[in-house]
Amino acid sequence: MTGTACRIDRDGVMKALPHREEMLMIDCVTELERGRRAIGYKDIINGEFWCAGHFPGESIFPGVLVIEMMAQISALAFYRKGGPEAKPLLAKVDNVKFLSKVTPGCRLFVEAVLDAEIAGFFRMKCRAFRDGEDVAVGKLTCCMKHGDAE
């Protein structure tokens, strides 16, 4: 990783993704190779909606939100491919492993790299990391939904 300067800030992320508070999980995109790779981060802060219940007295960022971060950074790598009306959808989660807990006070990075693209679906090899240490790894398959078709 070459640095932490924002290539796409939170406002830009909100233009690219349909997610809003409290489910917008990317604060900044630091690296982007459209259609191939993206890296972004979220500052994990105390007082977020999940802190009080996961877990009282020892807040641990939920694994499902780490997966959501992976899905959102994967979608950001592809968001222009489907045009502005396309919405990213998570289709499959494979072999996600959680290697270390994530607590408030850290900057959690997520990297997604294209692993395969078939028939409108793209499989991304993802990793979440902080301070150079992987905290989760796995593969996600996503697609871009167009219009109101289900």
Protein backbone atom coordinates (compact mmCIF):
# COMPACT_ATOMS: atom_id res chain seq x y z
CA MET A 1 0.00 0.00 0.00
CA THR A 2 1.41 3.36 -1.03
CA GLY A 3 -0.32 5.62 1.51
CA THR A 4 -3.54 6.62 3.15
CA ALA A 5 -4.46 9.72 1.16
CA CYS A 6 -8.07 9.56 -0.05
CA ARG A 7 -8.53 8.95 -3.74
CA ILE A 8 -12.30 8.86 -3.17
CA ASP A 9 -13.58 10.52 0.01
CA ARG A 10 -16.78 9.66 1.90
CA ASP A 11 -18.90 11.97 -0.29
CA GLY A 12 -17.55 10.22 -3.38
CA VAL A 13 -18.24 6.81 -1.84
CA MET A 14 -21.84 7.91 -1.20
CA LYS A 15 -22.18 8.92 -4.88
CA ALA A 16 -20.95 5.48 -5.93
CA LEU A 17 -22.84 3.26 -3.46
CA PRO A 18 -26.49 3.25 -2.39
CA HIS A 19 -25.56 2.61 1.28
CA ARG A 20 -26.19 5.29 3.89
CA GLU A 21 -25.67 5.67 7.63
CA GLU A 22 -25.38 3.47 9.52
CA MET A 23 -24.50 0.84 6.92
CA LEU A 24 -21.98 2.83 4.89
CA MET A 25 -18.78 1.02 5.86
CA ILE A 26 -16.13 2.81 3.78
CA ASP A 27 -14.79 6.23 4.83
CA CYS A 28 -12.14 6.54 2.12
CA VAL A 29 -10.81 4.71 -0.93
CA THR A 30 -7.01 4.96 -1.01
CA GLU A 31 -6.23 2.87 -4.08
CA LEU A 32 -8.35 2.01 -7.10
CA GLU A 33 -7.71 0.09 -10.30
CA ARG A 34 -11.18 0.01 -11.87
CA GLY A 35 -12.38 -3.48 -12.59
CA ARG A 36 -9.44 -5.07 -10.84
CA ARG A 37 -8.61 -3.86 -7.32
CA ALA A 38 -9.53 -1.42 -4.56
CA ILE A 39 -8.35 -0.58 -1.06
CA GLY A 40 -10.28 1.52 1.42
CA TYR A 41 -10.72 2.02 5.12
CA LYS A 42 -13.13 2.75 7.92
CA ASP A 43 -12.15 4.36 11.18
CA ILE A 44 -13.60 2.12 13.88
CA ILE A 45 -14.80 4.46 16.61
CA ASN A 46 -16.40 4.02 20.00
CA GLY A 47 -20.10 4.89 20.21
CA GLU A 48 -21.13 3.41 16.85
CA PHE A 49 -24.48 1.60 16.76
CA TRP A 50 -22.97 -1.86 17.34
CA CYS A 51 -20.74 -0.97 20.33
CA ALA A 52 -23.26 -1.26 23.18
CA GLY A 53 -24.50 -4.70 22.20
CA HIS A 54 -21.36 -6.34 20.74
CA PHE A 55 -20.26 -6.69 23.54
CA PRO A 56 -21.13 -4.71 26.70
CA GLY A 57 -17.89 -3.64 28.35
CA GLU A 58 -15.69 -4.88 25.47
CA SER A 59 -16.77 -3.60 22.07
CA ILE A 60 -15.69 -5.87 19.21
CA PHE A 61 -16.46 -4.85 15.62
CA PRO A 62 -18.86 -7.55 14.32
CA GLY A 63 -17.55 -9.99 11.72
CA VAL A 64 -20.63 -9.45 9.59
CA LEU A 65 -19.66 -5.76 9.32
CA VAL A 66 -16.15 -6.76 8.24
CA ILE A 67 -17.79 -8.82 5.48
CA GLU A 68 -19.97 -5.82 4.59
CA MET A 69 -16.82 -3.69 4.29
CA MET A 70 -15.37 -6.32 1.94
CA ALA A 71 -18.55 -6.28 -0.16
CA GLN A 72 -18.61 -2.48 -0.36
CA ILE A 73 -14.96 -2.12 -1.38
CA SER A 74 -15.50 -4.90 -3.96
CA ALA A 75 -18.46 -2.99 -5.39
CA LEU A 76 -16.44 0.23 -5.50
CA ALA A 77 -13.90 -1.51 -7.75
CA PHE A 78 -16.73 -2.11 -10.25
CA TYR A 79 -19.36 0.58 -9.66
CA ARG A 80 -18.96 2.41 -12.99
CA LYS A 81 -19.09 -0.80 -14.99
CA GLY A 82 -22.86 -1.03 -14.57
CA GLY A 83 -23.53 2.69 -14.90
CA PRO A 84 -24.99 5.00 -12.28
CA GLU A 85 -28.29 3.07 -12.08
CA ALA A 86 -26.58 -0.21 -11.15
CA LYS A 87 -26.63 -1.36 -7.52
CA PRO A 88 -24.11 -3.82 -6.12
CA LEU A 89 -25.42 -7.05 -4.64
CA LEU A 90 -23.57 -9.61 -2.58
CA ALA A 91 -24.17 -13.07 -4.05
CA LYS A 92 -21.85 -15.39 -2.12
CA VAL A 93 -19.38 -15.44 0.76
CA ASP A 94 -16.66 -18.11 0.63
CA ASN A 95 -14.16 -19.25 3.24
CA VAL A 96 -14.07 -16.05 5.29
CA LYS A 97 -11.76 -16.53 8.24
CA PHE A 98 -11.48 -14.13 11.15
CA LEU A 99 -7.92 -14.04 12.43
CA SER A 100 -8.03 -11.30 15.06
CA LYS A 101 -10.63 -9.15 16.79
CA VAL A 102 -11.19 -5.52 15.79
CA THR A 103 -11.89 -2.96 18.50
CA PRO A 104 -12.64 0.77 18.47
CA GLY A 105 -9.71 3.10 18.00
CA CYS A 106 -8.23 1.55 14.88
CA ARG A 107 -8.30 2.24 11.16
CA LEU A 108 -9.46 -0.94 9.43
CA PHE A 109 -8.37 -1.33 5.81
CA VAL A 110 -9.98 -3.68 3.30
CA GLU A 111 -8.45 -4.78 0.01
CA ALA A 112 -10.39 -6.51 -2.75
CA VAL A 113 -8.64 -7.98 -5.80
CA LEU A 114 -10.45 -9.51 -8.78
CA ASP A 115 -10.15 -13.30 -8.70
CA ALA A 116 -12.61 -14.17 -11.52
CA GLU A 117 -15.38 -12.60 -13.59
CA ILE A 118 -18.09 -14.77 -15.14
CA ALA A 119 -21.49 -13.91 -16.63
CA GLY A 120 -21.89 -10.59 -14.83
CA PHE A 121 -20.60 -11.86 -11.48
CA PHE A 122 -17.21 -10.97 -10.07
CA ARG A 123 -15.39 -12.92 -7.40
CA MET A 124 -13.05 -10.88 -5.24
CA LYS A 125 -10.24 -12.09 -3.02
CA CYS A 126 -10.54 -9.90 0.08
CA ARG A 127 -8.57 -9.16 3.18
CA ALA A 128 -9.15 -6.83 6.10
CA PHE A 129 -6.09 -5.58 7.93
CA ARG A 130 -4.82 -3.03 10.43
CA ASP A 131 -1.26 -2.05 11.25
CA GLY A 132 -0.03 -4.52 8.61
CA GLU A 133 -1.78 -7.48 10.29
CA ASP A 134 -4.56 -9.41 8.52
CA VAL A 135 -7.68 -9.65 10.68
CA ALA A 136 -9.92 -11.42 8.13
CA VAL A 137 -9.52 -13.06 4.71
CA GLY A 138 -11.93 -14.65 2.25
CA LYS A 139 -13.64 -14.46 -1.15
CA LEU A 140 -16.86 -12.66 -2.03
CA THR A 141 -18.92 -12.92 -5.19
CA CYS A 142 -20.91 -9.85 -6.22
CA CYS A 143 -22.96 -8.61 -9.15
CA MET A 144 -24.43 -5.32 -10.29
CA LYS A 145 -28.24 -5.14 -10.33
CA HIS A 146 -29.75 -2.92 -13.03
CA GLY A 147 -33.04 -1.06 -12.65
CA ASP A 148 -35.91 -2.61 -10.69
CA ALA A 149 -35.52 -6.18 -11.99
CA GLU A 150 -35.32 -8.76 -9.20
